[in-house]
C-alpha atoms as a PDB file:
ATOM      1  CA  MET A   1      75.405 139.243 118.619  1.00  0.00           C
ATOM      2  CA  ALA A   2      73.288 137.814 116.262  1.00  0.00           C
ATOM      3  CA  ALA A   3      76.056 137.387 113.812  1.00  0.00           C
ATOM      4  CA  ARG A   4      78.366 136.023 116.751  1.00  0.00           C
ATOM      5  CA  ARG A   5      75.627 133.494 117.348  1.00  0.00           C
ATOM      6  CA  SER A   6      75.498 132.801 113.428  1.00  0.00           C
ATOM      7  CA  ARG A   7      78.982 132.046 113.477  1.00  0.00           C
ATOM      8  CA  LYS A   8      78.865 129.518 116.458  1.00  0.00           C
ATOM      9  CA  ALA A   9      76.170 127.805 114.663  1.00  0.00           C
ATOM     10  CA  LYS A  10      78.037 127.359 111.539  1.00  0.00           C
ATOM     11  CA  ARG A  11      81.104 126.101 113.572  1.00  0.00           C
ATOM     12  CA  ALA A  12      78.846 123.527 115.355  1.00  0.00           C
ATOM     13  CA  ALA A  13      77.458 122.352 112.086  1.00  0.00           C
ATOM     14  CA  LYS A  14      80.914 121.781 110.753  1.00  0.00           C
ATOM     15  CA  ARG A  15      81.657 119.688 113.780  1.00  0.00           C
ATOM     16  CA  GLU A  16      78.660 117.782 113.492  1.00  0.00           C
ATOM     17  CA  LEU A  17      79.285 114.364 111.864  1.00  0.00           C
ATOM     18  CA  PRO A  18      77.070 113.544 108.951  1.00  0.00           C
ATOM     19  CA  GLU A  19      74.191 111.234 109.724  1.00  0.00           C
ATOM     20  CA  LEU A  20      75.818 108.098 108.154  1.00  0.00           C
ATOM     21  CA  GLU A  21      78.357 108.063 110.757  1.00  0.00           C
ATOM     22  CA  ARG A  22      76.342 109.211 113.728  1.00  0.00           C
ATOM     23  CA  VAL A  23      75.615 105.535 114.121  1.00  0.00           C
ATOM     24  CA  GLU A  24      75.958 103.509 117.634  1.00  0.00           C
ATOM     25  CA  ARG A  25      78.192 100.526 117.540  1.00  0.00           C
ATOM     26  CA  ILE A  26      77.050  98.033 120.357  1.00  0.00           C
ATOM     27  CA  ALA A  27      79.615  95.378 121.174  1.00  0.00           C
ATOM     28  CA  ASP A  28      82.335  96.602 118.680  1.00  0.00           C
ATOM     29  CA  ARG A  29      85.423  97.414 120.177  1.00  0.00           C
ATOM     30  CA  GLY A  30      86.969  98.379 116.708  1.00  0.00           C
ATOM     31  CA  ASP A  31      90.451  97.209 118.052  1.00  0.00           C
ATOM     32  CA  TRP A  32      91.380 100.969 118.584  1.00  0.00           C
ATOM     33  CA  ALA A  33      94.984 100.259 119.633  1.00  0.00           C
ATOM     34  CA  LEU A  34      95.644  98.093 116.602  1.00  0.00           C
ATOM     35  CA  ASP A  35      94.436 100.953 114.361  1.00  0.00           C
ATOM     36  CA  PHE A  36      96.215 103.613 116.451  1.00  0.00           C
ATOM     37  CA  TYR A  37      98.046 105.277 113.404  1.00  0.00           C
ATOM     38  CA  HIS A  38      94.855 105.626 111.696  1.00  0.00           C
ATOM     39  CA  HIS A  39      93.335 107.522 114.276  1.00  0.00           C
ATOM     40  CA  LEU A  40      96.589 109.811 114.732  1.00  0.00           C
ATOM     41  CA  LEU A  41      95.962 110.809 110.921  1.00  0.00           C
ATOM     42  CA  THR A  42      92.157 111.358 111.246  1.00  0.00           C
ATOM     43  CA  VAL A  43      92.248 113.533 114.418  1.00  0.00           C
ATOM     44  CA  SER A  44      92.053 117.448 114.363  1.00  0.00           C
ATOM     45  CA  PRO A  45      95.515 119.058 114.186  1.00  0.00           C
ATOM     46  CA  TRP A  46      95.207 120.706 117.791  1.00  0.00           C
ATOM     47  CA  THR A  47      94.381 117.063 119.095  1.00  0.00           C
ATOM     48  CA  LEU A  48      97.455 115.637 117.277  1.00  0.00           C
ATOM     49  CA  PHE A  49      99.600 118.466 118.619  1.00  0.00           C
ATOM     50  CA  VAL A  50      98.437 118.032 122.111  1.00  0.00           C
ATOM     51  CA  ILE A  51      99.030 114.229 121.869  1.00  0.00           C
ATOM     52  CA  LEU A  52     102.723 114.922 120.784  1.00  0.00           C
ATOM     53  CA  VAL A  53     103.410 117.433 123.376  1.00  0.00           C
ATOM     54  CA  VAL A  54     102.014 115.201 126.102  1.00  0.00           C
ATOM     55  CA  THR A  55     104.078 112.069 124.906  1.00  0.00           C
ATOM     56  CA  TYR A  56     107.136 114.406 124.491  1.00  0.00           C
ATOM     57  CA  VAL A  57     106.966 115.543 128.204  1.00  0.00           C
ATOM     58  CA  ALA A  58     105.839 112.195 129.659  1.00  0.00           C
ATOM     59  CA  PHE A  59     108.857 110.585 127.799  1.00  0.00           C
ATOM     60  CA  ASN A  60     111.194 112.996 129.428  1.00  0.00           C
ATOM     61  CA  LEU A  61     109.581 112.924 132.893  1.00  0.00           C
ATOM     62  CA  VAL A  62     109.902 108.985 132.959  1.00  0.00           C
ATOM     63  CA  PHE A  63     113.754 109.200 132.106  1.00  0.00           C
ATOM     64  CA  ALA A  64     114.350 112.005 134.449  1.00  0.00           C
ATOM     65  CA  THR A  65     113.124 109.901 137.251  1.00  0.00           C
ATOM     66  CA  LEU A  66     115.307 107.125 136.150  1.00  0.00           C
ATOM     67  CA  TYR A  67     118.427 109.456 136.223  1.00  0.00           C
ATOM     68  CA  VAL A  68     117.827 110.853 139.636  1.00  0.00           C
ATOM     69  CA  LEU A  69     117.484 107.440 141.133  1.00  0.00           C
ATOM     70  CA  GLN A  70     121.484 107.371 141.091  1.00  0.00           C
ATOM     71  CA  GLN A  71     123.102 110.026 142.712  1.00  0.00           C
ATOM     72  CA  GLY A  72     126.131 111.550 140.879  1.00  0.00           C
ATOM     73  CA  GLY A  73     125.058 109.710 137.720  1.00  0.00           C
ATOM     74  CA  ILE A  74     124.904 113.173 135.783  1.00  0.00           C
ATOM     75  CA  ALA A  75     128.276 115.344 136.027  1.00  0.00           C
ATOM     76  CA  ASN A  76     127.616 119.141 136.780  1.00  0.00           C
ATOM     77  CA  ALA A  77     124.054 118.385 137.590  1.00  0.00           C
ATOM     78  CA  ALA A  78     122.813 119.583 141.322  1.00  0.00           C
ATOM     79  CA  PRO A  79     122.429 116.408 143.579  1.00  0.00           C
ATOM     80  CA  GLY A  80     119.089 115.101 143.797  1.00  0.00           C
ATOM     81  CA  SER A  81     117.891 118.069 141.360  1.00  0.00           C
ATOM     82  CA  PHE A  82     115.035 116.495 139.085  1.00  0.00           C
ATOM     83  CA  ALA A  83     114.981 119.794 137.154  1.00  0.00           C
ATOM     84  CA  ASP A  84     118.628 119.163 136.099  1.00  0.00           C
ATOM     85  CA  ALA A  85     117.577 115.549 135.176  1.00  0.00           C
ATOM     86  CA  PHE A  86     114.531 116.541 133.332  1.00  0.00           C
ATOM     87  CA  PHE A  87     116.691 119.181 130.975  1.00  0.00           C
ATOM     88  CA  PHE A  88     119.525 116.513 130.744  1.00  0.00           C
ATOM     89  CA  SER A  89     116.674 114.196 129.535  1.00  0.00           C
ATOM     90  CA  VAL A  90     115.628 116.622 126.939  1.00  0.00           C
ATOM     91  CA  GLN A  91     119.179 117.461 125.717  1.00  0.00           C
ATOM     92  CA  THR A  92     119.812 113.793 125.404  1.00  0.00           C
ATOM     93  CA  MET A  93     116.640 112.977 123.403  1.00  0.00           C
ATOM     94  CA  ALA A  94     117.496 115.631 121.024  1.00  0.00           C
ATOM     95  CA  THR A  95     121.180 114.521 120.856  1.00  0.00           C
ATOM     96  CA  ILE A  96     121.952 118.406 121.473  1.00  0.00           C
ATOM     97  CA  GLY A  97     125.063 117.657 123.840  1.00  0.00           C
ATOM     98  CA  TYR A  98     125.751 120.851 125.049  1.00  0.00           C
ATOM     99  CA  GLY A  99     128.793 119.637 127.491  1.00  0.00           C
ATOM    100  CA  ASP A 100     127.866 121.176 130.382  1.00  0.00           C
ATOM    101  CA  MET A 101     126.082 117.713 131.643  1.00  0.00           C
ATOM    102  CA  HIS A 102     127.243 114.479 130.507  1.00  0.00           C
ATOM    103  CA  PRO A 103     126.846 110.877 131.698  1.00  0.00           C
ATOM    104  CA  ALA A 104     129.275 109.995 134.651  1.00  0.00           C
ATOM    105  CA  THR A 105     128.369 106.563 135.707  1.00  0.00           C
ATOM    106  CA  ILE A 106     127.821 103.073 133.600  1.00  0.00           C
ATOM    107  CA  TYR A 107     124.141 103.165 134.931  1.00  0.00           C
ATOM    108  CA  THR A 108     123.616 106.544 133.336  1.00  0.00           C
ATOM    109  CA  ASN A 109     125.444 105.692 130.158  1.00  0.00           C
ATOM    110  CA  PHE A 110     122.998 102.800 129.815  1.00  0.00           C
ATOM    111  CA  LEU A 111     120.117 104.777 130.160  1.00  0.00           C
ATOM    112  CA  VAL A 112     121.296 107.509 127.691  1.00  0.00           C
ATOM    113  CA  THR A 113     121.853 104.701 124.980  1.00  0.00           C
ATOM    114  CA  ILE A 114     118.452 103.698 125.565  1.00  0.00           C
ATOM    115  CA  GLU A 115     117.015 107.043 125.615  1.00  0.00           C
ATOM    116  CA  VAL A 116     118.837 107.973 122.417  1.00  0.00           C
ATOM    117  CA  LEU A 117     117.521 104.986 120.635  1.00  0.00           C
ATOM    118  CA  LEU A 118     113.843 105.458 121.656  1.00  0.00           C
ATOM    119  CA  GLY A 119     114.158 109.260 121.143  1.00  0.00           C
ATOM    120  CA  MET A 120     115.510 109.032 117.536  1.00  0.00           C
ATOM    121  CA  THR A 121     112.672 106.512 116.739  1.00  0.00           C
ATOM    122  CA  GLY A 122     110.159 108.602 118.160  1.00  0.00           C
ATOM    123  CA  LEU A 123     111.311 111.415 116.102  1.00  0.00           C
ATOM    124  CA  ALA A 124     111.220 109.569 113.146  1.00  0.00           C
ATOM    125  CA  LEU A 125     107.653 108.259 113.581  1.00  0.00           C
ATOM    126  CA  ALA A 126     106.602 111.654 114.443  1.00  0.00           C
ATOM    127  CA  THR A 127     108.215 113.263 111.417  1.00  0.00           C
ATOM    128  CA  GLY A 128     106.472 110.786 109.137  1.00  0.00           C
ATOM    129  CA  LEU A 129     103.171 111.373 110.866  1.00  0.00           C
ATOM    130  CA  VAL A 130     103.323 114.928 110.396  1.00  0.00           C
ATOM    131  CA  PHE A 131     104.431 114.732 106.888  1.00  0.00           C
ATOM    132  CA  ALA A 132     101.711 112.089 106.162  1.00  0.00           C
ATOM    133  CA  ARG A 133      98.982 114.685 107.300  1.00  0.00           C
ATOM    134  CA  PHE A 134     100.412 117.607 105.420  1.00  0.00           C
ATOM    135  CA  SER A 135     101.547 115.936 102.251  1.00  0.00           C
ATOM    136  CA  ARG A 136      98.080 114.219 101.725  1.00  0.00           C
ATOM    137  CA  PRO A 137      96.165 116.039  99.187  1.00  0.00           C
ATOM    138  CA  THR A 138      92.698 117.346 100.267  1.00  0.00           C
ATOM    139  CA  ALA A 139      89.827 118.564  98.224  1.00  0.00           C
ATOM    140  CA  ARG A 140      88.360 121.913  99.087  1.00  0.00           C
ATOM    141  CA  VAL A 141      84.920 121.655  97.453  1.00  0.00           C
ATOM    142  CA  MET A 142      81.903 123.833  98.726  1.00  0.00           C
ATOM    143  CA  PHE A 143      78.628 122.263  98.586  1.00  0.00           C
ATOM    144  CA  SER A 144      75.237 124.088  98.621  1.00  0.00           C
ATOM    145  CA  ASN A 145      73.487 124.086 102.073  1.00  0.00           C
ATOM    146  CA  VAL A 146      70.521 122.728 100.374  1.00  0.00           C
ATOM    147  CA  ALA A 147      69.469 120.786  97.217  1.00  0.00           C
ATOM    148  CA  VAL A 148      66.072 122.135  95.379  1.00  0.00           C
ATOM    149  CA  VAL A 149      63.622 120.428  93.396  1.00  0.00           C
ATOM    150  CA  THR A 150      62.483 122.389  90.401  1.00  0.00           C
ATOM    151  CA  ASP A 151      61.561 122.457  86.741  1.00  0.00           C
ATOM    152  CA  HIS A 152      64.328 122.459  84.237  1.00  0.00           C
ATOM    153  CA  ASP A 153      64.027 122.436  80.469  1.00  0.00           C
ATOM    154  CA  GLY A 154      60.382 121.331  81.333  1.00  0.00           C
ATOM    155  CA  VAL A 155      61.360 118.249  83.499  1.00  0.00           C
ATOM    156  CA  PRO A 156      61.317 118.206  87.448  1.00  0.00           C
ATOM    157  CA  SER A 157      64.830 117.804  88.550  1.00  0.00           C
ATOM    158  CA  LEU A 158      66.632 117.603  91.824  1.00  0.00           C
ATOM    159  CA  MET A 159      69.566 119.970  91.786  1.00  0.00           C
ATOM    160  CA  PHE A 160      72.512 121.215  94.093  1.00  0.00           C
ATOM    161  CA  ARG A 161      75.465 123.250  93.636  1.00  0.00           C
ATOM    162  CA  ALA A 162      79.322 122.599  93.969  1.00  0.00           C
ATOM    163  CA  ALA A 163      82.269 124.873  93.854  1.00  0.00           C
ATOM    164  CA  ASN A 164      86.088 124.722  93.978  1.00  0.00           C
ATOM    165  CA  ARG A 165      87.514 126.850  96.667  1.00  0.00           C
ATOM    166  CA  ARG A 166      91.040 126.595  95.510  1.00  0.00           C
ATOM    167  CA  ARG A 167      92.482 128.794  92.684  1.00  0.00           C
ATOM    168  CA  ASN A 168      93.563 125.702  90.580  1.00  0.00           C
ATOM    169  CA  GLN A 169      91.270 123.102  88.677  1.00  0.00           C
ATOM    170  CA  ILE A 170      90.036 119.805  89.304  1.00  0.00           C
ATOM    171  CA  LEU A 171      90.678 117.829  85.960  1.00  0.00           C
ATOM    172  CA  GLU A 172      88.445 114.844  84.939  1.00  0.00           C
ATOM    173  CA  ALA A 173      85.850 115.297  87.596  1.00  0.00           C
ATOM    174  CA  GLU A 174      83.292 113.124  88.118  1.00  0.00           C
ATOM    175  CA  VAL A 175      80.294 113.153  90.311  1.00  0.00           C
ATOM    176  CA  THR A 176      77.980 110.316  91.772  1.00  0.00           C
ATOM    177  CA  VAL A 177      74.591 110.567  93.366  1.00  0.00           C
ATOM    178  CA  MET A 178      72.781 108.026  95.390  1.00  0.00           C
ATOM    179  CA  LEU A 179      69.533 108.012  97.245  1.00  0.00           C
ATOM    180  CA  LEU A 180      69.527 106.040 100.458  1.00  0.00           C
ATOM    181  CA  ARG A 181      65.896 105.345 102.152  1.00  0.00           C
ATOM    182  CA  ASP A 182      64.021 103.036 104.145  1.00  0.00           C
ATOM    183  CA  GLU A 183      62.064 100.673 102.358  1.00  0.00           C
ATOM    184  CA  ILE A 184      59.837  97.389 103.107  1.00  0.00           C
ATOM    185  CA  ASN A 185      60.718  94.433 100.744  1.00  0.00           C
ATOM    186  CA  SER A 186      58.084  91.617  99.505  1.00  0.00           C
ATOM    187  CA  LYS A 187      58.389  89.703 102.758  1.00  0.00           C
ATOM    188  CA  GLY A 188      57.713  92.737 104.915  1.00  0.00           C
ATOM    189  CA  VAL A 189      61.168  93.397 106.245  1.00  0.00           C
ATOM    190  CA  GLU A 190      62.260  96.959 106.509  1.00  0.00           C
ATOM    191  CA  MET A 191      65.707  97.650 104.894  1.00  0.00           C
ATOM    192  CA  ARG A 192      67.869 100.596 104.256  1.00  0.00           C
ATOM    193  CA  ARG A 193      68.710 100.392 100.428  1.00  0.00           C
ATOM    194  CA  PHE A 194      70.529 102.504  98.066  1.00  0.00           C
ATOM    195  CA  HIS A 195      69.519 103.747  94.543  1.00  0.00           C
ATOM    196  CA  ASP A 196      71.807 105.270  91.913  1.00  0.00           C
ATOM    197  CA  LEU A 197      70.575 108.846  90.596  1.00  0.00           C
ATOM    198  CA  ALA A 198      71.616 109.224  87.191  1.00  0.00           C
ATOM    199  CA  VAL A 199      72.815 113.028  86.363  1.00  0.00           C
ATOM    200  CA  ALA A 200      72.583 115.021  83.149  1.00  0.00           C
ATOM    201  CA  ARG A 201      76.370 115.512  83.371  1.00  0.00           C
ATOM    202  CA  PRO A 202      78.364 113.079  85.466  1.00  0.00           C
ATOM    203  CA  ARG A 203      81.613 114.327  84.503  1.00  0.00           C
ATOM    204  CA  THR A 204      83.295 117.289  83.695  1.00  0.00           C
ATOM    205  CA  PRO A 205      86.852 117.695  81.942  1.00  0.00           C
ATOM    206  CA  MET A 206      87.753 120.955  84.076  1.00  0.00           C
ATOM    207  CA  PHE A 207      86.261 121.976  87.337  1.00  0.00           C
ATOM    208  CA  ALA A 208      87.370 125.288  88.426  1.00  0.00           C
ATOM    209  CA  LEU A 209      84.664 127.481  89.777  1.00  0.00           C
ATOM    210  CA  SER A 210      81.087 126.318  90.212  1.00  0.00           C
ATOM    211  CA  TRP A 211      79.155 123.084  88.990  1.00  0.00           C
ATOM    212  CA  THR A 212      75.376 122.691  89.169  1.00  0.00           C
ATOM    213  CA  VAL A 213      74.396 118.883  89.228  1.00  0.00           C
ATOM    214  CA  ILE A 214      70.989 117.998  87.850  1.00  0.00           C
ATOM    215  CA  HIS A 215      69.208 114.689  88.229  1.00  0.00           C
ATOM    216  CA  PRO A 216      65.996 114.702  86.206  1.00  0.00           C
ATOM    217  CA  ILE A 217      63.230 113.018  87.886  1.00  0.00           C
ATOM    218  CA  ASP A 218      61.489 111.078  85.125  1.00  0.00           C
ATOM    219  CA  GLN A 219      59.329 107.828  85.392  1.00  0.00           C
ATOM    220  CA  SER A 220      62.999 105.964  85.837  1.00  0.00           C
ATOM    221  CA  SER A 221      64.093 107.826  88.711  1.00  0.00           C
ATOM    222  CA  PRO A 222      63.878 106.648  92.087  1.00  0.00           C
ATOM    223  CA  LEU A 223      62.340 110.110  93.089  1.00  0.00           C
ATOM    224  CA  TYR A 224      59.573 109.860  90.821  1.00  0.00           C
ATOM    225  CA  GLY A 225      56.293 110.506  92.864  1.00  0.00           C
ATOM    226  CA  GLU A 226      58.163 111.565  95.935  1.00  0.00           C
ATOM    227  CA  SER A 227      57.438 114.469  98.044  1.00  0.00           C
ATOM    228  CA  GLN A 228      59.356 116.097 101.002  1.00  0.00           C
ATOM    229  CA  GLU A 229      56.747 114.470 103.229  1.00  0.00           C
ATOM    230  CA  SER A 230      57.484 110.895 101.961  1.00  0.00           C
ATOM    231  CA  MET A 231      61.386 111.367 101.964  1.00  0.00           C
ATOM    232  CA  LEU A 232      61.089 112.412 105.712  1.00  0.00           C
ATOM    233  CA  ARG A 233      59.169 109.269 106.495  1.00  0.00           C
ATOM    234  CA  ALA A 234      61.381 107.271 104.721  1.00  0.00           C
ATOM    235  CA  HIS A 235      64.395 109.036 106.507  1.00  0.00           C
ATOM    236  CA  ALA A 236      65.697 109.462 102.845  1.00  0.00           C
ATOM    237  CA  MET A 237      69.146 110.994 102.239  1.00  0.00           C
ATOM    238  CA  ILE A 238      70.962 112.239  98.992  1.00  0.00           C
ATOM    239  CA  ILE A 239      74.488 111.134  99.106  1.00  0.00           C
ATOM    240  CA  VAL A 240      76.888 112.948  96.883  1.00  0.00           C
ATOM    241  CA  SER A 241      80.647 111.997  95.836  1.00  0.00           C
ATOM    242  CA  ILE A 242      83.122 114.111  93.712  1.00  0.00           C
ATOM    243  CA  SER A 243      86.125 112.731  92.812  1.00  0.00           C
ATOM    244  CA  GLY A 244      89.048 114.153  90.188  1.00  0.00           C
ATOM    245  CA  LEU A 245      92.682 114.753  89.762  1.00  0.00           C
ATOM    246  CA  ASP A 246      94.006 117.948  91.279  1.00  0.00           C
ATOM    247  CA  ALA A 247      96.192 120.001  88.880  1.00  0.00           C
ATOM    248  CA  THR A 248      98.539 121.237  91.595  1.00  0.00           C
ATOM    249  CA  PHE A 249      99.569 117.709  93.124  1.00  0.00           C
ATOM    250  CA  SER A 250      98.539 115.253  90.065  1.00  0.00           C
ATOM    251  CA  GLN A 251      96.711 113.228  92.778  1.00  0.00           C
ATOM    252  CA  THR A 252      93.417 112.096  92.863  1.00  0.00           C
ATOM    253  CA  ILE A 253      91.118 114.133  95.393  1.00  0.00           C
ATOM    254  CA  ARG A 254      87.435 113.295  96.642  1.00  0.00           C
ATOM    255  CA  ALA A 255      84.589 115.124  98.411  1.00  0.00           C
ATOM    256  CA  ARG A 256      81.690 114.198  99.888  1.00  0.00           C
ATOM    257  CA  HIS A 257      78.189 115.547 100.997  1.00  0.00           C
ATOM    258  CA  THR A 258      74.757 114.562 102.254  1.00  0.00           C
ATOM    259  CA  TYR A 259      71.421 115.880 102.021  1.00  0.00           C
ATOM    260  CA  ASN A 260      68.700 114.712 104.253  1.00  0.00           C
ATOM    261  CA  GLY A 261      64.881 115.209 103.665  1.00  0.00           C
ATOM    262  CA  ALA A 262      64.684 118.399 105.518  1.00  0.00           C
ATOM    263  CA  GLU A 263      67.497 120.016 103.590  1.00  0.00           C
ATOM    264  CA  ILE A 264      65.705 119.454 100.084  1.00  0.00           C
ATOM    265  CA  ARG A 265      63.544 122.419  99.036  1.00  0.00           C
ATOM    266  CA  TRP A 266      60.832 121.855  96.918  1.00  0.00           C
ATOM    267  CA  ASN A 267      59.664 124.382  94.086  1.00  0.00           C
ATOM    268  CA  GLU A 268      62.568 126.606  94.614  1.00  0.00           C
ATOM    269  CA  ARG A 269      65.562 127.292  92.456  1.00  0.00           C
ATOM    270  CA  PHE A 270      69.174 128.370  93.314  1.00  0.00           C
ATOM    271  CA  ALA A 271      69.802 132.365  92.927  1.00  0.00           C
ATOM    272  CA  ASP A 272      71.786 133.302  89.943  1.00  0.00           C
ATOM    273  CA  ILE A 273      75.619 133.917  90.914  1.00  0.00           C
ATOM    274  CA  LEU A 274      77.057 134.323  87.376  1.00  0.00           C
ATOM    275  CA  THR A 275      77.028 137.999  86.089  1.00  0.00           C
ATOM    276  CA  ARG A 276      78.825 140.145  83.599  1.00  0.00           C
ATOM    277  CA  ALA A 277      80.631 143.183  84.978  1.00  0.00           C
ATOM    278  CA  GLU A 278      80.616 146.442  83.102  1.00  0.00           C
ATOM    279  CA  ASP A 279      83.814 145.829  81.035  1.00  0.00           C
ATOM    280  CA  GLY A 280      82.059 142.627  79.881  1.00  0.00           C
ATOM    281  CA  HIS A 281      84.105 139.873  82.013  1.00  0.00           C
ATOM    282  CA  ARG A 282      82.372 137.297  83.672  1.00  0.00           C
ATOM    283  CA  GLN A 283      81.852 137.359  87.499  1.00  0.00           C
ATOM    284  CA  ILE A 284      80.651 134.783  89.990  1.00  0.00           C
ATOM    285  CA  ASP A 285      79.246 135.800  93.511  1.00  0.00           C
ATOM    286  CA  TYR A 286      79.943 133.216  95.965  1.00  0.00           C
ATOM    287  CA  ARG A 287      77.814 135.457  98.335  1.00  0.00           C
ATOM    288  CA  ARG A 288      74.536 134.026  96.839  1.00  0.00           C
ATOM    289  CA  PHE A 289      76.078 130.375  96.444  1.00  0.00           C
ATOM    290  CA  HIS A 290      73.547 128.909  98.975  1.00  0.00           C
ATOM    291  CA  ASP A 291      70.640 131.354  98.224  1.00  0.00           C
ATOM    292  CA  THR A 292      67.359 130.043  96.852  1.00  0.00           C
ATOM    293  CA  VAL A 293      64.437 131.945  95.366  1.00  0.00           C
ATOM    294  CA  GLU A 294      60.876 130.620  94.711  1.00  0.00           C
ATOM    295  CA  ALA A 295      60.235 129.094  91.382  1.00  0.00           C
ATOM    296  CA  GLU A 296      58.345 130.912  88.640  1.00  0.00           C
ATOM    297  CA  GLN A 297      54.656 129.859  89.028  1.00  0.00           C
ATOM    298  CA  SER A 298      54.704 128.472  85.547  1.00  0.00           C
ATOM    299  CA  ALA A 299      57.205 125.790  86.666  1.00  0.00           C
ATOM    300  CA  ARG A 300      55.168 124.951  89.787  1.00  0.00           C
ATOM    301  CA  SER A 301      52.128 123.550  87.986  1.00  0.00           C
ATOM    302  CA  GLU A 302      51.127 120.156  88.770  1.00  0.00           C
ATOM    303  CA  ALA A 303      54.131 117.908  87.967  1.00  0.00           C
ATOM    304  CA  PRO A 304      54.984 114.416  88.465  1.00  0.00           C
ATOM    305  CA  TRP A 305      56.907 115.017  91.357  1.00  0.00           C
ATOM    306  CA  ARG A 306      53.885 116.190  93.444  1.00  0.00           C
ATOM    307  CA  LYS A 307      51.970 113.050  93.250  1.00  0.00           C
ATOM    308  CA  VAL A 308      52.619 112.366  96.922  1.00  0.00           C
ATOM    309  CA  LYS A 309      53.286 108.745  97.648  1.00  0.00           C
ATOM    310  CA  ALA A 310      51.011 106.843  99.959  1.00  0.00           C
END
């Protein structure tokens, strides 16, 4: 039962939108109808499948209703049979042409002409939509559930992990890290501001397994003097973006992740995931990818990041 609840919680967390997207828009219609194609590209696969099925059935129901308006318009169909009219519409839309039922009047031939035109157009649009969704390269980059602030080479540093979940390589991968927080300017106006966070290695020629991104918190860092309490008060967020060239598709892919103040663990470090097997080759244990352990006592001495902002 506990494992089942854990899986449900993970699925719910995946469905939850990032904080940047959980914003209520007041008096903004968004011109949804004008951007309908974009919505179809962004809905879930099952939602798109349901939309296509409902549209297909509704299309044939409309034309079946038009066919039964004239008795004897469909040869070899039972008089007044809506079922025969419906399946005749399905065969006409798909241009199957079994030959058992065929149009027998000018009215029915006119409807067939319109349905074939609309049906072929709809099939072309649906094919293009499905192809656009499946041919679009996507990144399967896994980010650690939390970020940590710990000592690294004698300097307090913000660190998080990323991993390429595909068995290929992301070439010329680059990472950008930004801090978003509430601030009060010189005129006393509260604003939401972005700050660039410089990382020790912003790019790598080959991203195949894992990548630990490190931002040193020195006196030039926007995080200097911060604490978890001050970041929570400022509603701070760490925004991460990774881009690179997918070696399989030869196209640029991007991945994004955010960490809020509660998802940054102070005075902890990530558990080791790189080990060596008995035969000497290296192993990476993704089971401990998100695990953290308490930092060593020597690294927890009074450091600049522990000076809490007023």
